[in-house]
Amino acid sequence: SAGLTEEQKEFQKVAFDFAAKEMAPHMAEWDDKEIFPVETMRKAAQLGFGGIYVKPDVGGSGLSRLDTSVIFEALSTGCTSTTAYMSIHNMCVWMIDTFGNEEQRRRFCPALCSMEKFASYCLTEPGSGSDAASLLTSAQRKGDTYVLNGSKAFISGGGDTDVYVVMCRTGGPGPKGISCLVVEKGTPGLSFGKKEKKVGWNSQPTRAVIFEDCVVPVGNRLGAEGQGFSIAMKGLNGGRINIASCSLGAAHASVLLAQEHLTVRKQFGELLANNQYLQFRLAEMATRLVAARLMVRNAARALQEEREDAAVLCSMAKLFATDECFTICNQALQMHGGYGYLKDYAVQQFVRDIRVHQILEGTNEVMRMIVARNLLQV
């Protein structure tokens, strides 16, 4: 909590307490039984965590990006997978709040902020992941409706959520031909693929989202035609900070688990805590965690202030934090020895849940591209 205001420390404490009491005791069961913990998330929404950086007039908490990062890091110590879904949900509500008109804001945001309804972000397709601007899902204008055809892949919450923020092609090829539509569950022509079996992130369902002559009112379009790619990328800047913050929480929890294990486990007649090699590794883990945290919070401030360098700082923070935090969690598992590989021990779940953070919200290879292009101006 170094460098935080008293108010931010209070948000952090509320989130840590919620994570410890409402999430951590159920984390393993949600993972094992693949439970989407709807009621727990609604309890979190009662604390203001359903629309953290959404304006208060539609039910949001109106907090800053730094506040948001602090909250997601704390929640992630209780269940990284569930917190990561909540971060995606928050990103979707922010997109509607920011780019929607007054009617759209008031129609969608209150139920999403209370988590009475849940949202999913639909950008990735089977043939376009990192190259998002090449997406093929089409939306043809017919009078006051759009007819959607195509499919989205790897959609968090897909099939279980109520609102889908969909990037689709209303114009020619490339980013300028992409628009953003809000599609509601139950719309004829909207269907879902099978629930994917994943290494981690098992407390949130992942499915393909399929559109077959799916008719959506023009009144559900966010912003102007052709603005969709810009909306998607602005959403992802915050999403990258959010997912990096979830990585910080997993690493934080893993350092504490390793610390505890070293103080109780004996080998060769000595506590592991007395082994200098393990002392040095634990020190490195804590140092990397603090460095990653500072980088994420610096990027969060830049995004809040709408600084020119915000996008590249978000990419740097996402790259650095998700790589470093995975290393920390993996090292914590190694310190547990054989026990670390058992599902009775939480450290293995943090390793499984955090691994995908190096892939989603833009792979870390794409983060390197963004940073390099900024440096070289190419």
Protein backbone atom coordinates (compact mmCIF):
# COMPACT_ATOMS: atom_id res chain seq x y z
CA SER A 1 0.00 0.00 0.00
CA ALA A 2 3.04 2.29 -0.21
CA GLY A 3 2.24 5.53 -2.02
CA LEU A 4 -1.53 5.06 -1.80
CA THR A 5 -3.93 7.60 -0.28
CA GLU A 6 -5.93 6.72 2.82
CA GLU A 7 -9.00 6.27 0.62
CA GLN A 8 -7.13 3.87 -1.68
CA LYS A 9 -5.86 1.91 1.31
CA GLU A 10 -9.49 1.55 2.42
CA PHE A 11 -10.54 0.23 -1.04
CA GLN A 12 -7.62 -2.18 -0.85
CA LYS A 13 -8.59 -3.42 2.61
CA VAL A 14 -12.22 -3.98 1.58
CA ALA A 15 -11.05 -5.94 -1.49
CA PHE A 16 -8.50 -8.01 0.50
CA ASP A 17 -11.15 -8.86 3.11
CA PHE A 18 -13.65 -9.85 0.43
CA ALA A 19 -11.02 -12.00 -1.31
CA ALA A 20 -10.09 -13.76 1.95
CA LYS A 21 -13.66 -14.40 3.16
CA GLU A 22 -15.75 -14.82 0.00
CA MET A 23 -13.32 -16.08 -2.66
CA ALA A 24 -10.26 -17.91 -1.30
CA PRO A 25 -12.26 -20.59 0.60
CA HIS A 26 -14.06 -21.53 -2.65
CA MET A 27 -11.27 -21.02 -5.18
CA ALA A 28 -10.34 -24.70 -5.49
CA GLU A 29 -13.97 -25.87 -5.74
CA TRP A 30 -14.81 -23.28 -8.43
CA ASP A 31 -11.77 -24.50 -10.37
CA ASP A 32 -12.44 -28.21 -9.91
CA LYS A 33 -16.18 -28.10 -10.63
CA GLU A 34 -15.93 -25.27 -13.17
CA ILE A 35 -18.43 -23.11 -11.27
CA PHE A 36 -19.17 -19.57 -12.51
CA PRO A 37 -19.67 -17.90 -9.08
CA VAL A 38 -22.47 -15.51 -10.03
CA GLU A 39 -23.74 -14.86 -6.48
CA THR A 40 -20.25 -14.12 -5.14
CA MET A 41 -19.65 -11.62 -7.94
CA ARG A 42 -22.99 -9.96 -7.17
CA LYS A 43 -21.82 -9.57 -3.57
CA ALA A 44 -18.68 -7.92 -4.94
CA ALA A 45 -20.88 -5.61 -7.03
CA GLN A 46 -22.61 -4.49 -3.82
CA LEU A 47 -19.21 -3.15 -2.75
CA GLY A 48 -19.00 -1.20 -6.01
CA PHE A 49 -16.80 -3.66 -7.92
CA GLY A 50 -19.20 -4.22 -10.87
CA GLY A 51 -18.47 -0.88 -12.55
CA ILE A 52 -15.40 0.43 -10.78
CA TYR A 53 -14.39 3.08 -13.32
CA VAL A 54 -17.91 3.73 -14.65
CA LYS A 55 -19.65 7.06 -13.98
CA PRO A 56 -21.87 7.16 -10.86
CA ASP A 57 -24.99 8.44 -12.67
CA VAL A 58 -25.53 4.96 -14.18
CA GLY A 59 -24.55 2.98 -11.09
CA GLY A 60 -20.77 2.98 -11.38
CA SER A 61 -18.26 3.75 -8.63
CA GLY A 62 -16.51 6.53 -10.58
CA LEU A 63 -13.06 5.51 -9.34
CA SER A 64 -9.70 6.04 -11.04
CA ARG A 65 -7.62 3.53 -13.02
CA LEU A 66 -5.17 3.35 -10.13
CA ASP A 67 -7.99 2.62 -7.68
CA THR A 68 -9.14 -0.10 -10.08
CA SER A 69 -5.68 -1.67 -10.28
CA VAL A 70 -5.38 -1.74 -6.48
CA ILE A 71 -8.81 -3.41 -6.16
CA PHE A 72 -8.19 -6.07 -8.83
CA GLU A 73 -4.78 -6.93 -7.37
CA ALA A 74 -6.35 -7.46 -3.93
CA LEU A 75 -9.32 -9.47 -5.24
CA SER A 76 -7.01 -11.67 -7.30
CA THR A 77 -5.35 -13.01 -4.15
CA GLY A 78 -8.66 -14.77 -3.45
CA CYS A 79 -9.34 -16.16 -6.93
CA THR A 80 -7.42 -14.96 -9.97
CA SER A 81 -9.75 -16.57 -12.51
CA THR A 82 -12.92 -14.96 -11.10
CA THR A 83 -11.24 -11.57 -10.71
CA ALA A 84 -9.96 -11.72 -14.29
CA TYR A 85 -13.53 -12.24 -15.54
CA MET A 86 -14.68 -9.31 -13.39
CA SER A 87 -11.98 -7.18 -15.00
CA ILE A 88 -13.31 -8.03 -18.48
CA HIS A 89 -16.87 -7.29 -17.35
CA ASN A 90 -15.73 -3.90 -16.00
CA MET A 91 -14.01 -3.12 -19.31
CA CYS A 92 -17.24 -3.84 -21.23
CA VAL A 93 -19.36 -1.63 -18.95
CA TRP A 94 -16.80 1.18 -19.28
CA MET A 95 -16.99 0.91 -23.09
CA ILE A 96 -20.79 1.28 -23.03
CA ASP A 97 -20.56 4.11 -20.49
CA THR A 98 -17.88 5.97 -22.47
CA PHE A 99 -18.93 5.43 -26.09
CA GLY A 100 -22.66 4.85 -25.73
CA ASN A 101 -25.28 7.57 -25.98
CA GLU A 102 -27.43 8.52 -22.99
CA GLU A 103 -30.16 6.04 -23.89
CA GLN A 104 -27.66 3.18 -24.20
CA ARG A 105 -25.87 4.12 -20.98
CA ARG A 106 -29.12 4.12 -19.02
CA ARG A 107 -30.43 0.97 -20.69
CA PHE A 108 -27.37 -1.22 -20.15
CA CYS A 109 -25.07 0.14 -17.42
CA PRO A 110 -27.17 -0.01 -14.21
CA ALA A 111 -27.89 -3.77 -14.48
CA LEU A 112 -24.25 -4.43 -15.43
CA CYS A 113 -22.83 -2.34 -12.57
CA SER A 114 -24.98 -4.30 -10.08
CA MET A 115 -23.98 -7.52 -11.87
CA GLU A 116 -27.65 -8.40 -12.19
CA LYS A 117 -26.42 -8.90 -15.77
CA PHE A 118 -22.96 -9.87 -16.98
CA ALA A 119 -21.00 -8.78 -20.06
CA SER A 120 -18.54 -10.38 -22.49
CA TYR A 121 -16.02 -8.79 -24.86
CA CYS A 122 -16.08 -10.21 -28.40
CA LEU A 123 -13.05 -9.31 -30.53
CA THR A 124 -11.02 -12.48 -31.19
CA GLU A 125 -12.08 -14.80 -34.02
CA PRO A 126 -10.91 -18.29 -35.06
CA GLY A 127 -8.79 -16.70 -37.81
CA SER A 128 -7.87 -13.36 -36.21
CA GLY A 129 -6.28 -13.18 -32.78
CA SER A 130 -3.26 -10.89 -32.65
CA ASP A 131 -4.23 -9.47 -36.06
CA ALA A 132 -7.56 -8.17 -34.76
CA ALA A 133 -7.99 -5.66 -37.61
CA SER A 134 -8.49 -8.57 -40.04
CA LEU A 135 -11.67 -9.79 -38.30
CA LEU A 136 -14.37 -11.15 -40.63
CA THR A 137 -17.61 -11.12 -38.62
CA SER A 138 -19.86 -8.98 -40.82
CA ALA A 139 -22.75 -6.67 -39.99
CA GLN A 140 -24.79 -5.62 -43.02
CA ARG A 141 -27.08 -2.62 -42.60
CA LYS A 142 -30.71 -3.28 -43.50
CA GLY A 143 -32.92 -0.34 -42.65
CA ASP A 144 -32.75 0.27 -38.92
CA THR A 145 -31.04 -3.08 -38.19
CA TYR A 146 -27.74 -4.86 -38.78
CA VAL A 147 -27.58 -8.52 -39.81
CA LEU A 148 -24.58 -10.21 -38.18
CA ASN A 149 -22.81 -13.29 -39.54
CA GLY A 150 -19.60 -14.84 -38.26
CA SER A 151 -18.12 -16.17 -35.04
CA LYS A 152 -15.95 -15.13 -32.13
CA ALA A 153 -13.51 -17.45 -30.31
CA PHE A 154 -12.28 -17.78 -26.70
CA ILE A 155 -15.00 -15.52 -25.28
CA SER A 156 -14.87 -15.29 -21.48
CA GLY A 157 -18.34 -15.80 -20.03
CA GLY A 158 -19.66 -16.83 -23.46
CA GLY A 159 -23.08 -18.50 -23.16
CA ASP A 160 -23.53 -17.59 -19.50
CA THR A 161 -23.47 -13.82 -19.86
CA ASP A 162 -26.22 -11.44 -20.96
CA VAL A 163 -24.56 -8.71 -23.00
CA TYR A 164 -21.96 -9.12 -25.78
CA VAL A 165 -19.86 -6.14 -26.91
CA VAL A 166 -19.08 -7.25 -30.47
CA MET A 167 -16.55 -5.89 -32.96
CA CYS A 168 -17.80 -6.51 -36.50
CA ARG A 169 -17.16 -5.37 -40.06
CA THR A 170 -19.62 -2.82 -41.41
CA GLY A 171 -17.24 -1.41 -44.04
CA GLY A 172 -14.18 -2.32 -46.06
CA PRO A 173 -11.06 -4.21 -44.97
CA GLY A 174 -8.77 -2.98 -42.20
CA PRO A 175 -9.45 -1.21 -38.90
CA LYS A 176 -11.57 1.62 -40.37
CA GLY A 177 -14.24 -0.83 -41.52
CA ILE A 178 -14.98 -2.09 -37.98
CA SER A 179 -17.93 -1.04 -35.82
CA CYS A 180 -19.05 -1.97 -32.31
CA LEU A 181 -22.47 -3.49 -31.56
CA VAL A 182 -24.05 -4.55 -28.27
CA VAL A 183 -25.83 -7.89 -28.75
CA GLU A 184 -28.16 -9.17 -26.06
CA LYS A 185 -28.54 -12.82 -25.11
CA GLY A 186 -31.73 -14.26 -26.55
CA THR A 187 -31.40 -12.39 -29.85
CA PRO A 188 -32.45 -14.81 -32.66
CA GLY A 189 -29.41 -16.02 -34.57
CA LEU A 190 -27.07 -15.79 -31.56
CA SER A 191 -25.71 -19.15 -30.39
CA PHE A 192 -22.70 -20.58 -28.59
CA GLY A 193 -20.13 -23.32 -29.08
CA LYS A 194 -19.17 -26.01 -26.59
CA LYS A 195 -17.64 -25.02 -23.27
CA GLU A 196 -13.87 -25.13 -23.72
CA LYS A 197 -11.71 -27.30 -21.44
CA LYS A 198 -8.90 -25.07 -20.19
CA VAL A 199 -5.68 -25.39 -18.18
CA GLY A 200 -6.84 -22.63 -15.83
CA TRP A 201 -9.45 -19.88 -15.63
CA ASN A 202 -11.98 -22.62 -14.85
CA SER A 203 -14.32 -20.45 -12.74
CA GLN A 204 -15.36 -18.66 -15.92
CA PRO A 205 -16.84 -20.43 -18.97
CA THR A 206 -15.20 -19.91 -22.36
CA ARG A 207 -17.12 -20.57 -25.56
CA ALA A 208 -17.31 -19.53 -29.19
CA VAL A 209 -20.02 -16.93 -29.86
CA ILE A 210 -21.77 -17.55 -33.19
CA PHE A 211 -23.90 -15.18 -35.29
CA GLU A 212 -26.14 -16.60 -38.01
CA ASP A 213 -28.34 -13.90 -39.59
CA CYS A 214 -28.48 -12.32 -36.14
CA VAL A 215 -30.57 -9.14 -36.35
CA VAL A 216 -29.45 -6.29 -34.06
CA PRO A 217 -31.01 -2.79 -33.92
CA VAL A 218 -28.89 0.10 -35.19
CA GLY A 219 -29.70 1.63 -31.80
CA ASN A 220 -27.31 -0.93 -30.26
CA ARG A 221 -24.27 0.45 -32.09
CA LEU A 222 -21.71 2.18 -29.84
CA GLY A 223 -20.30 5.29 -31.47
CA ALA A 224 -20.25 5.89 -35.22
CA GLU A 225 -19.76 3.31 -37.97
CA GLY A 226 -16.05 2.66 -38.38
CA GLN A 227 -15.22 3.65 -34.80
CA GLY A 228 -15.23 0.07 -33.49
CA PHE A 229 -11.52 -0.67 -33.73
CA SER A 230 -10.65 2.53 -31.87
CA ILE A 231 -13.20 1.65 -29.17
CA ALA A 232 -11.76 -1.88 -28.90
CA MET A 233 -8.19 -0.63 -28.53
CA LYS A 234 -9.10 2.02 -25.94
CA GLY A 235 -10.91 -0.67 -23.98
CA LEU A 236 -7.85 -2.92 -24.18
CA ASN A 237 -5.49 -0.27 -22.77
CA GLY A 238 -7.46 -0.47 -19.54
CA GLY A 239 -7.90 -4.22 -19.94
CA ARG A 240 -4.12 -4.66 -20.04
CA ILE A 241 -3.72 -2.76 -16.78
CA ASN A 242 -6.54 -4.82 -15.26
CA ILE A 243 -5.12 -8.20 -16.27
CA ALA A 244 -1.62 -7.14 -15.16
CA SER A 245 -3.16 -6.22 -11.80
CA CYS A 246 -4.70 -9.70 -11.56
CA SER A 247 -1.22 -11.11 -12.17
CA LEU A 248 0.14 -8.99 -9.32
CA GLY A 249 -2.48 -10.48 -6.98
CA ALA A 250 -1.60 -14.04 -7.94
CA ALA A 251 2.11 -13.34 -7.44
CA HIS A 252 1.44 -11.60 -4.12
CA ALA A 253 -0.49 -14.63 -2.86
CA SER A 254 2.19 -17.01 -4.15
CA VAL A 255 5.00 -15.15 -2.36
CA LEU A 256 3.03 -15.44 0.89
CA LEU A 257 2.43 -19.17 0.30
CA ALA A 258 6.14 -19.73 -0.39
CA GLN A 259 7.12 -17.70 2.67
CA GLU A 260 4.82 -19.81 4.85
CA HIS A 261 6.07 -23.10 3.36
CA LEU A 262 9.71 -22.19 3.93
CA THR A 263 9.03 -21.49 7.61
CA VAL A 264 7.37 -24.86 8.33
CA ARG A 265 9.05 -27.38 5.99
CA LYS A 266 12.27 -29.09 7.05
CA GLN A 267 14.87 -30.84 4.91
CA PHE A 268 18.27 -32.20 6.02
CA GLY A 269 17.37 -31.32 9.62
CA GLU A 270 16.92 -27.61 8.86
CA LEU A 271 13.99 -25.36 8.06
CA LEU A 272 13.97 -24.43 4.39
CA ALA A 273 13.87 -20.79 5.57
CA ASN A 274 17.49 -21.22 6.75
CA ASN A 275 18.68 -22.19 3.26
CA GLN A 276 20.48 -19.18 1.77
CA TYR A 277 19.67 -20.14 -1.84
CA LEU A 278 15.94 -20.17 -1.05
CA GLN A 279 16.26 -16.93 0.93
CA PHE A 280 17.82 -15.27 -2.11
CA ARG A 281 15.12 -16.64 -4.44
CA LEU A 282 12.35 -15.38 -2.15
CA ALA A 283 14.05 -11.97 -2.02
CA GLU A 284 14.18 -11.90 -5.84
CA MET A 285 10.50 -12.84 -6.05
CA ALA A 286 9.47 -10.03 -3.70
CA THR A 287 11.69 -7.54 -5.56
CA ARG A 288 10.21 -8.49 -8.93
CA LEU A 289 6.70 -8.20 -7.52
CA VAL A 290 7.31 -4.68 -6.19
CA ALA A 291 8.94 -3.60 -9.49
CA ALA A 292 6.00 -4.96 -11.49
CA ARG A 293 3.48 -3.31 -9.16
CA LEU A 294 5.16 0.10 -9.52
CA MET A 295 5.16 -0.25 -13.31
CA VAL A 296 1.47 -1.17 -13.43
CA ARG A 297 0.48 1.69 -11.14
CA ASN A 298 2.55 4.16 -13.17
CA ALA A 299 0.74 3.06 -16.35
CA ALA A 300 -2.64 3.28 -14.57
CA ARG A 301 -1.91 6.90 -13.64
CA ALA A 302 -0.88 7.69 -17.23
CA LEU A 303 -4.13 6.19 -18.54
CA GLN A 304 -6.20 8.11 -16.01
CA GLU A 305 -4.47 11.35 -17.01
CA GLU A 306 -4.96 10.52 -20.73
CA ARG A 307 -1.26 11.09 -21.34
CA GLU A 308 0.15 10.65 -24.82
CA ASP A 309 2.40 7.80 -23.69
CA ALA A 310 -0.42 5.92 -21.90
CA ALA A 311 -0.92 3.19 -24.53
CA VAL A 312 2.78 2.26 -24.69
CA LEU A 313 3.12 2.36 -20.89
CA CYS A 314 0.09 0.04 -20.59
CA SER A 315 1.75 -2.34 -23.07
CA MET A 316 5.05 -2.22 -21.17
CA ALA A 317 3.29 -2.83 -17.85
CA LYS A 318 1.25 -5.73 -19.21
CA LEU A 319 4.34 -7.32 -20.78
CA PHE A 320 6.56 -6.91 -17.73
CA ALA A 321 4.03 -7.73 -15.01
CA THR A 322 2.48 -10.82 -16.60
CA ASP A 323 5.91 -12.29 -17.46
CA GLU A 324 7.47 -11.50 -14.08
CA CYS A 325 4.45 -12.59 -12.06
CA PHE A 326 4.24 -15.92 -13.86
CA THR A 327 7.91 -16.48 -13.02
CA ILE A 328 7.18 -15.63 -9.36
CA CYS A 329 4.23 -18.06 -9.15
CA ASN A 330 6.20 -20.79 -10.90
CA GLN A 331 9.15 -20.31 -8.51
CA ALA A 332 6.76 -20.46 -5.55
CA LEU A 333 5.49 -23.81 -6.84
CA GLN A 334 9.11 -25.03 -7.17
CA MET A 335 9.79 -24.06 -3.56
CA HIS A 336 6.90 -26.30 -2.49
CA GLY A 337 8.61 -29.28 -4.15
CA GLY A 338 6.27 -32.19 -4.87
CA TYR A 339 3.56 -30.65 -2.73
CA GLY A 340 3.35 -27.71 -5.12
CA TYR A 341 2.14 -30.03 -7.87
CA LEU A 342 -0.79 -31.29 -5.80
CA LYS A 343 -4.19 -29.67 -6.21
CA ASP A 344 -4.50 -29.59 -2.41
CA TYR A 345 -2.04 -26.68 -2.51
CA ALA A 346 -3.25 -23.36 -3.91
CA VAL A 347 0.06 -22.40 -5.51
CA GLN A 348 -0.49 -24.68 -8.52
CA GLN A 349 -3.83 -22.99 -9.25
CA PHE A 350 -2.23 -19.56 -9.30
CA VAL A 351 0.32 -20.91 -11.81
CA ARG A 352 -2.44 -22.34 -14.03
CA ASP A 353 -4.70 -19.29 -13.78
CA ILE A 354 -1.97 -16.73 -14.43
CA ARG A 355 -0.38 -18.42 -17.45
CA VAL A 356 -3.01 -17.17 -19.91
CA HIS A 357 -2.37 -13.55 -18.91
CA GLN A 358 0.71 -13.64 -21.16
CA ILE A 359 -1.60 -14.43 -24.09
CA LEU A 360 -4.86 -12.50 -23.73
CA GLU A 361 -5.61 -8.76 -23.96
CA GLY A 362 -2.91 -8.78 -26.65
CA THR A 363 -0.14 -11.38 -26.48
CA ASN A 364 3.13 -10.32 -24.94
CA GLU A 365 4.68 -10.58 -28.41
CA VAL A 366 2.19 -7.93 -29.58
CA MET A 367 3.10 -5.82 -26.52
CA ARG A 368 6.73 -5.94 -27.69
CA MET A 369 5.62 -4.84 -31.18
CA ILE A 370 3.70 -1.86 -29.76
CA VAL A 371 6.66 -0.76 -27.64
CA ALA A 372 9.16 -1.22 -30.48
CA ARG A 373 7.01 0.71 -32.96
CA ASN A 374 6.73 3.54 -30.46
CA LEU A 375 10.50 3.65 -30.00
CA LEU A 376 11.32 3.39 -33.71
CA GLN A 377 8.27 5.33 -34.99
CA VAL A 378 7.61 2.70 -37.68
